[in-house]
N, C-alpha and C. Protein backbone atom coordinates (compact mmCIF):
# COMPACT_ATOMS: atom_id res chain seq x y z
N MET A 1 0.81 -1.16 0.02
CA MET A 1 0.02 -0.03 0.03
C MET A 1 0.87 1.23 0.00
N ALA A 2 0.64 2.15 -0.87
CA ALA A 2 1.43 3.30 -0.93
C ALA A 2 0.96 4.31 0.21
N SER A 3 2.06 4.92 0.74
CA SER A 3 1.73 5.88 1.76
C SER A 3 1.60 7.28 1.29
N LYS A 4 0.86 8.10 2.02
CA LYS A 4 0.67 9.47 1.69
C LYS A 4 1.51 10.21 2.69
N ALA A 5 2.56 9.67 3.31
CA ALA A 5 3.31 10.44 4.28
C ALA A 5 3.89 11.67 3.67
N SER A 6 3.95 12.71 4.49
CA SER A 6 4.65 13.93 3.98
C SER A 6 6.10 13.97 4.32
N LEU A 7 6.41 13.14 5.14
CA LEU A 7 7.92 13.08 5.65
C LEU A 7 8.20 11.66 6.02
N THR A 8 9.44 11.22 5.64
CA THR A 8 10.05 9.93 5.93
C THR A 8 11.19 10.19 6.79
N LEU A 9 11.21 9.78 8.08
CA LEU A 9 12.32 9.95 8.94
C LEU A 9 13.28 8.70 9.04
N TYR A 10 14.50 8.88 8.91
CA TYR A 10 15.50 7.88 8.94
C TYR A 10 16.18 7.96 10.32
N PHE A 11 15.93 7.05 11.19
CA PHE A 11 16.46 7.16 12.59
C PHE A 11 17.35 5.96 13.00
N ASP A 12 18.13 6.11 13.97
CA ASP A 12 18.92 5.12 14.55
C ASP A 12 18.25 4.24 15.51
N GLY A 13 17.90 3.06 15.23
CA GLY A 13 17.10 2.12 15.99
C GLY A 13 17.88 1.55 17.16
N ASN A 14 19.18 1.80 17.27
CA ASN A 14 19.90 1.44 18.47
C ASN A 14 19.98 2.56 19.54
N CYS A 15 19.44 3.67 19.16
CA CYS A 15 19.52 4.88 20.11
C CYS A 15 18.29 5.01 20.93
N PRO A 16 18.42 4.87 22.21
CA PRO A 16 17.21 5.02 23.07
C PRO A 16 16.57 6.36 22.98
N ILE A 17 17.32 7.46 22.84
CA ILE A 17 16.68 8.76 22.78
C ILE A 17 15.91 8.84 21.46
N CYS A 18 16.50 8.30 20.37
CA CYS A 18 15.85 8.46 19.07
C CYS A 18 14.55 7.52 19.08
N ILE A 19 14.60 6.44 19.68
CA ILE A 19 13.45 5.56 19.81
C ILE A 19 12.36 6.22 20.65
N ALA A 20 12.67 6.97 21.73
CA ALA A 20 11.73 7.66 22.50
C ALA A 20 11.11 8.69 21.72
N GLU A 21 11.87 9.38 20.87
CA GLU A 21 11.30 10.47 20.02
C GLU A 21 10.38 9.94 18.89
N VAL A 22 10.77 8.76 18.32
CA VAL A 22 9.93 8.11 17.29
C VAL A 22 8.63 7.70 17.97
N HIS A 23 8.65 7.19 19.17
CA HIS A 23 7.39 6.83 19.85
C HIS A 23 6.51 8.11 20.13
N ARG A 24 7.10 9.12 20.54
CA ARG A 24 6.35 10.30 20.81
C ARG A 24 5.77 10.89 19.41
N LEU A 25 6.57 10.95 18.48
CA LEU A 25 5.99 11.39 17.18
C LEU A 25 4.88 10.50 16.61
N ARG A 26 5.14 9.24 16.76
CA ARG A 26 4.02 8.31 16.39
C ARG A 26 2.80 8.53 17.04
N ARG A 27 2.82 8.81 18.35
CA ARG A 27 1.62 8.97 19.16
C ARG A 27 0.97 10.30 18.76
N TRP A 28 1.75 11.36 18.35
CA TRP A 28 1.16 12.53 17.89
C TRP A 28 0.63 12.54 16.43
N ASP A 29 1.14 11.64 15.64
CA ASP A 29 0.85 11.61 14.16
C ASP A 29 -0.45 10.97 13.91
N GLN A 30 -1.51 11.73 14.16
CA GLN A 30 -2.88 11.26 14.05
C GLN A 30 -3.36 11.26 12.57
N HIS A 31 -2.63 11.86 11.66
CA HIS A 31 -3.02 11.84 10.31
C HIS A 31 -2.03 11.16 9.28
N ASP A 32 -1.29 10.31 9.88
CA ASP A 32 -0.39 9.44 9.12
C ASP A 32 0.55 10.32 8.19
N GLN A 33 1.09 11.35 8.75
CA GLN A 33 1.96 12.19 8.04
C GLN A 33 3.47 11.79 7.93
N ILE A 34 3.81 10.88 8.80
CA ILE A 34 5.23 10.53 8.95
C ILE A 34 5.44 9.01 8.76
N ARG A 35 6.43 8.60 8.03
CA ARG A 35 6.89 7.22 7.90
C ARG A 35 8.23 7.22 8.62
N PHE A 36 8.45 6.10 9.35
CA PHE A 36 9.70 5.94 10.14
C PHE A 36 10.53 4.75 9.54
N ILE A 37 11.76 4.98 9.28
CA ILE A 37 12.58 3.91 8.80
C ILE A 37 13.83 3.85 9.76
N ASP A 38 14.15 2.65 10.25
CA ASP A 38 15.26 2.39 11.13
C ASP A 38 16.42 2.06 10.28
N ILE A 39 17.41 2.90 10.36
CA ILE A 39 18.70 2.58 9.42
C ILE A 39 19.45 1.48 10.06
N ARG A 40 19.12 0.93 11.21
CA ARG A 40 19.82 -0.28 11.72
C ARG A 40 19.25 -1.59 11.36
N GLN A 41 18.13 -1.51 10.71
CA GLN A 41 17.58 -2.86 10.22
C GLN A 41 18.50 -3.48 9.19
N PRO A 42 18.67 -4.77 9.29
CA PRO A 42 19.59 -5.54 8.34
C PRO A 42 19.26 -5.29 6.83
N ASP A 43 18.06 -5.08 6.50
CA ASP A 43 17.72 -4.92 5.05
C ASP A 43 17.63 -3.50 4.60
N PHE A 44 18.12 -2.56 5.47
CA PHE A 44 18.16 -1.16 5.08
C PHE A 44 19.38 -0.98 4.23
N ASP A 45 19.19 -0.26 3.06
CA ASP A 45 20.22 0.01 1.98
C ASP A 45 20.19 1.49 1.79
N PRO A 46 21.15 2.26 2.22
CA PRO A 46 21.09 3.73 2.02
C PRO A 46 21.60 4.14 0.62
N THR A 47 22.15 3.18 -0.12
CA THR A 47 22.56 3.60 -1.48
C THR A 47 21.47 4.10 -2.37
N LEU A 48 20.19 3.59 -2.11
CA LEU A 48 19.08 4.06 -2.87
C LEU A 48 18.70 5.46 -2.62
N LEU A 49 19.17 6.03 -1.50
CA LEU A 49 18.80 7.36 -1.14
C LEU A 49 19.87 8.38 -1.56
N GLY A 50 21.07 7.91 -2.02
CA GLY A 50 22.01 8.82 -2.40
C GLY A 50 22.78 9.49 -1.30
N VAL A 51 22.75 8.82 -0.12
CA VAL A 51 23.41 9.27 0.97
C VAL A 51 24.02 8.02 1.76
N ASN A 52 25.16 8.29 2.39
CA ASN A 52 25.78 7.11 2.98
C ASN A 52 25.36 6.81 4.45
N LEU A 53 25.51 5.69 4.93
CA LEU A 53 25.09 5.30 6.36
C LEU A 53 25.73 6.24 7.44
N ALA A 54 27.00 6.59 7.15
CA ALA A 54 27.73 7.49 8.07
C ALA A 54 26.99 8.82 8.31
N ALA A 55 26.54 9.45 7.19
CA ALA A 55 25.75 10.69 7.28
C ALA A 55 24.51 10.50 7.99
N LEU A 56 23.73 9.34 7.59
CA LEU A 56 22.52 9.09 8.33
C LEU A 56 22.73 8.81 9.82
N ASN A 57 23.87 8.35 10.20
CA ASN A 57 24.16 8.03 11.53
C ASN A 57 24.53 9.34 12.36
N ARG A 58 25.05 10.31 11.70
CA ARG A 58 25.50 11.52 12.33
C ARG A 58 24.26 12.39 12.80
N GLN A 59 23.20 12.37 12.04
CA GLN A 59 21.97 13.16 12.42
C GLN A 59 20.77 12.63 11.71
N LEU A 60 19.62 12.84 12.41
CA LEU A 60 18.38 12.51 11.85
C LEU A 60 18.25 13.11 10.41
N HIS A 61 17.72 12.30 9.44
CA HIS A 61 17.35 12.72 8.12
C HIS A 61 15.96 12.55 7.83
N GLY A 62 15.38 13.50 7.15
CA GLY A 62 14.00 13.36 6.75
C GLY A 62 13.87 13.67 5.26
N TRP A 63 13.09 12.90 4.53
CA TRP A 63 12.85 13.03 3.17
C TRP A 63 11.41 13.53 2.98
N THR A 64 11.28 14.71 2.43
CA THR A 64 9.95 15.31 2.24
C THR A 64 9.17 14.75 1.01
N SER A 65 7.90 14.81 1.03
CA SER A 65 7.12 14.30 -0.10
C SER A 65 7.44 15.13 -1.32
N ASP A 66 7.87 16.27 -1.24
CA ASP A 66 8.26 16.99 -2.50
C ASP A 66 9.66 16.95 -2.84
N GLY A 67 10.39 15.90 -2.25
CA GLY A 67 11.70 15.48 -2.72
C GLY A 67 12.87 16.31 -2.22
N HIS A 68 12.77 16.68 -0.98
CA HIS A 68 13.92 17.53 -0.34
C HIS A 68 14.34 16.82 1.01
N TRP A 69 15.65 16.93 1.25
CA TRP A 69 16.18 16.41 2.56
C TRP A 69 16.03 17.53 3.60
N VAL A 70 15.69 17.19 4.72
CA VAL A 70 15.77 17.97 5.91
C VAL A 70 16.62 17.25 6.91
N THR A 71 17.54 17.80 7.58
CA THR A 71 18.38 17.09 8.46
C THR A 71 18.49 17.74 9.84
N GLY A 72 18.89 16.99 10.80
CA GLY A 72 19.17 17.50 12.18
C GLY A 72 17.95 18.17 12.76
N ILE A 73 18.14 19.30 13.37
CA ILE A 73 16.99 20.00 14.04
C ILE A 73 15.94 20.28 13.02
N ASP A 74 16.22 20.61 11.79
CA ASP A 74 15.17 20.93 10.78
C ASP A 74 14.28 19.70 10.53
N SER A 75 14.76 18.55 10.65
CA SER A 75 13.93 17.24 10.49
C SER A 75 12.95 17.18 11.69
N ILE A 76 13.40 17.49 12.87
CA ILE A 76 12.55 17.45 14.01
C ILE A 76 11.55 18.57 13.98
N ILE A 77 11.87 19.74 13.47
CA ILE A 77 10.96 20.87 13.30
C ILE A 77 9.88 20.46 12.32
N ALA A 78 10.28 19.87 11.23
CA ALA A 78 9.31 19.38 10.19
C ALA A 78 8.35 18.35 10.77
N ALA A 79 8.83 17.47 11.49
CA ALA A 79 7.98 16.36 12.16
C ALA A 79 7.03 17.03 13.11
N TYR A 80 7.59 17.89 13.92
CA TYR A 80 6.63 18.53 14.99
C TYR A 80 5.57 19.27 14.24
N ARG A 81 5.80 20.00 13.24
CA ARG A 81 4.83 20.73 12.48
C ARG A 81 3.75 19.90 11.94
N LEU A 82 4.18 18.81 11.35
CA LEU A 82 3.31 17.79 10.69
C LEU A 82 2.31 17.13 11.68
N THR A 83 2.83 17.00 12.90
CA THR A 83 2.01 16.27 14.00
C THR A 83 1.17 17.30 14.79
N GLY A 84 1.11 18.49 14.37
CA GLY A 84 0.34 19.43 15.15
C GLY A 84 1.02 19.98 16.36
N GLN A 85 2.37 19.73 16.39
CA GLN A 85 3.11 20.26 17.64
C GLN A 85 4.10 21.29 17.29
N GLY A 86 3.86 22.01 16.23
CA GLY A 86 4.71 23.13 15.74
C GLY A 86 4.93 24.19 16.75
N TRP A 87 4.00 24.43 17.63
CA TRP A 87 4.00 25.36 18.69
C TRP A 87 5.23 25.11 19.58
N ARG A 88 5.56 23.82 19.77
CA ARG A 88 6.62 23.52 20.60
C ARG A 88 8.05 23.92 20.07
N VAL A 89 8.11 24.05 18.77
CA VAL A 89 9.40 24.49 18.14
C VAL A 89 9.32 25.81 17.42
N ALA A 90 8.22 26.52 17.62
CA ALA A 90 8.07 27.75 16.92
C ALA A 90 9.21 28.79 17.33
N PRO A 91 9.56 28.82 18.50
CA PRO A 91 10.74 29.82 18.85
C PRO A 91 12.01 29.55 18.06
N LEU A 92 12.21 28.36 17.58
CA LEU A 92 13.50 27.97 16.80
C LEU A 92 13.42 28.68 15.34
N HIS A 93 12.42 29.25 15.04
CA HIS A 93 12.35 29.99 13.69
C HIS A 93 13.07 31.32 13.70
N ALA A 94 13.31 31.86 15.02
CA ALA A 94 14.14 32.99 15.05
C ALA A 94 15.63 32.65 14.69
N PRO A 95 16.22 33.35 13.84
CA PRO A 95 17.61 33.06 13.31
C PRO A 95 18.54 32.61 14.38
N LEU A 96 18.64 33.46 15.48
CA LEU A 96 19.67 33.18 16.47
C LEU A 96 19.38 31.90 17.24
N LEU A 97 18.16 31.66 17.50
CA LEU A 97 17.65 30.49 18.25
C LEU A 97 17.82 29.24 17.31
N HIS A 98 17.60 29.39 16.13
CA HIS A 98 17.75 28.26 15.12
C HIS A 98 19.20 27.85 15.08
N ARG A 99 20.11 28.79 14.92
CA ARG A 99 21.59 28.47 14.86
C ARG A 99 21.95 27.79 16.22
N ALA A 100 21.49 28.32 17.26
CA ALA A 100 21.90 27.70 18.53
C ALA A 100 21.34 26.28 18.62
N SER A 101 20.04 26.13 18.21
CA SER A 101 19.49 24.75 18.24
C SER A 101 20.16 23.84 17.35
N GLN A 102 20.81 24.28 16.23
CA GLN A 102 21.55 23.43 15.36
C GLN A 102 22.88 22.82 16.08
N VAL A 103 23.44 23.84 16.79
CA VAL A 103 24.64 23.37 17.60
C VAL A 103 24.27 22.44 18.68
N VAL A 104 23.30 22.75 19.40
CA VAL A 104 22.83 21.90 20.49
C VAL A 104 22.46 20.46 19.92
N TYR A 105 21.68 20.48 18.78
CA TYR A 105 21.26 19.29 18.27
C TYR A 105 22.57 18.38 17.94
N ARG A 106 23.52 18.98 17.24
CA ARG A 106 24.73 18.27 16.86
C ARG A 106 25.44 17.62 18.08
N LEU A 107 25.49 18.36 19.14
CA LEU A 107 26.15 17.85 20.38
C LEU A 107 25.38 16.67 20.96
N ILE A 108 24.09 16.86 20.94
CA ILE A 108 23.28 15.72 21.51
C ILE A 108 23.41 14.45 20.53
N ALA A 109 23.31 14.74 19.20
CA ALA A 109 23.43 13.55 18.22
C ALA A 109 24.78 12.92 18.36
N GLN A 110 25.87 13.68 18.51
CA GLN A 110 27.16 13.03 18.73
C GLN A 110 27.32 12.26 19.96
N ASN A 111 26.56 12.72 20.96
CA ASN A 111 26.73 12.02 22.32
C ASN A 111 25.44 11.31 22.63
N ARG A 112 24.57 10.92 21.74
CA ARG A 112 23.28 10.40 22.08
C ARG A 112 23.33 9.05 22.90
N MET A 113 24.38 8.24 22.67
CA MET A 113 24.30 6.96 23.52
C MET A 113 24.81 7.30 24.91
N ARG A 114 25.74 8.22 25.05
CA ARG A 114 26.22 8.54 26.46
C ARG A 114 25.10 9.25 27.21
N ILE A 115 24.35 10.19 26.50
CA ILE A 115 23.21 10.82 27.15
C ILE A 115 22.21 9.90 27.48
N SER A 116 21.85 8.83 26.68
CA SER A 116 20.88 7.86 26.90
C SER A 116 21.30 7.16 28.19
N ARG A 117 22.56 6.75 28.28
CA ARG A 117 22.95 6.14 29.55
C ARG A 117 22.75 7.00 30.74
N LEU A 118 23.16 8.30 30.67
CA LEU A 118 23.11 9.21 31.79
C LEU A 118 21.62 9.33 32.21
N LEU A 119 20.72 9.35 31.21
CA LEU A 119 19.24 9.52 31.56
C LEU A 119 18.57 8.20 31.86
N ARG A 120 19.40 7.19 31.84
CA ARG A 120 18.90 5.78 32.09
C ARG A 120 17.80 5.32 31.23
N LEU A 121 17.95 5.76 29.97
CA LEU A 121 17.02 5.33 28.99
C LEU A 121 17.47 3.91 28.42
N LYS A 122 16.58 3.03 28.26
CA LYS A 122 16.86 1.71 27.78
C LYS A 122 16.38 1.52 26.41
N THR A 123 16.94 0.64 25.70
CA THR A 123 16.40 0.25 24.38
C THR A 123 15.18 -0.55 24.47
N HIS A 124 14.45 -0.60 23.45
CA HIS A 124 13.27 -1.42 23.43
C HIS A 124 13.52 -2.88 23.75
N PRO A 125 12.74 -3.57 24.45
CA PRO A 125 12.98 -5.02 24.81
C PRO A 125 13.23 -5.85 23.63
N SER A 126 12.84 -5.59 22.43
CA SER A 126 13.04 -6.47 21.39
C SER A 126 14.38 -6.07 20.64
N CYS A 127 15.28 -5.36 21.27
CA CYS A 127 16.52 -4.96 20.71
C CYS A 127 17.52 -6.10 20.78
N THR A 128 18.36 -6.26 19.80
CA THR A 128 19.55 -7.18 19.77
C THR A 128 20.72 -6.29 19.70
N ASP A 129 21.87 -6.90 19.54
CA ASP A 129 23.10 -6.18 19.46
C ASP A 129 23.13 -5.35 18.13
N SER A 130 22.41 -5.72 17.06
CA SER A 130 22.58 -5.01 15.80
C SER A 130 21.38 -4.10 15.52
N SER A 131 20.21 -4.39 16.10
CA SER A 131 19.09 -3.52 15.68
C SER A 131 17.89 -3.67 16.73
N CYS A 132 16.91 -2.77 16.59
CA CYS A 132 15.82 -2.85 17.43
C CYS A 132 14.51 -3.03 16.55
N SER A 133 13.53 -3.65 17.05
CA SER A 133 12.32 -3.77 16.33
C SER A 133 11.30 -2.92 16.97
N ILE A 134 10.71 -1.98 16.17
CA ILE A 134 9.59 -1.13 16.76
C ILE A 134 8.44 -1.57 16.08
N GLN A 135 7.38 -1.99 16.87
CA GLN A 135 6.18 -2.54 16.14
C GLN A 135 5.16 -1.38 16.00
N PHE A 136 4.91 -0.87 14.78
CA PHE A 136 3.96 0.01 14.31
C PHE A 136 3.00 -0.82 13.35
N ASP A 137 1.81 -0.33 13.22
CA ASP A 137 1.07 -1.03 12.17
C ASP A 137 1.63 -0.73 10.87
N SER A 138 1.28 -1.50 9.80
CA SER A 138 1.94 -1.40 8.53
C SER A 138 1.76 -0.03 7.74
N ARG A 139 0.79 0.76 8.20
CA ARG A 139 0.61 2.04 7.59
C ARG A 139 1.72 2.91 7.89
N HIS A 140 2.47 2.75 9.03
CA HIS A 140 3.47 3.78 9.43
C HIS A 140 4.83 3.23 9.43
N TRP A 141 5.00 1.93 9.55
CA TRP A 141 6.39 1.40 9.76
C TRP A 141 6.91 0.77 8.54
N HIS A 142 8.10 1.10 8.04
CA HIS A 142 8.71 0.44 7.08
C HIS A 142 10.18 0.38 7.31
N SER A 143 10.81 -0.80 7.13
CA SER A 143 12.22 -0.93 7.36
C SER A 143 13.07 -0.77 6.09
N THR A 144 12.46 -0.58 4.98
CA THR A 144 13.25 -0.53 3.76
C THR A 144 12.94 0.69 3.09
N PRO A 145 13.98 1.43 2.46
CA PRO A 145 13.80 2.76 1.88
C PRO A 145 12.97 2.79 0.69
N GLY A 146 12.76 1.61 -0.06
CA GLY A 146 12.16 1.63 -1.36
C GLY A 146 10.71 1.88 -1.29
N ARG A 147 10.06 2.14 -0.12
CA ARG A 147 8.66 2.21 0.02
C ARG A 147 8.20 3.69 0.21
N HIS A 148 8.99 4.64 -0.28
CA HIS A 148 8.45 5.98 -0.18
C HIS A 148 8.21 6.56 -1.58
């Protein structure tokens, strides 16, 4: 079934902070606007996207329905807007706050596993050493990039 998602987010399924954010976004996504793809799934192939796994691993990437990449904090802003939570990130539109949020995002992304441990966040119970399985219904969850 073809999705009408406005944004496809590529996230690190080994990252507890990332998984927590995916769950939050999924809960808010009442209109099926976002598709989630775990870049740690064994069948994930980034070559079809024109971006390498190292880049995807450095920061959250989102592919918009009109064919543009949004990365880092901009992918979070896009996801929050689509889920009706844009008010939470509205201050980040101010140029100075946007630049500051980009720096903070990069620091968090670079240290996401350490921060997860400090916050005592755990991975999903169905995690293995190589990937985690997040169970969404088939309308929202895809582990391969060819379905957008």
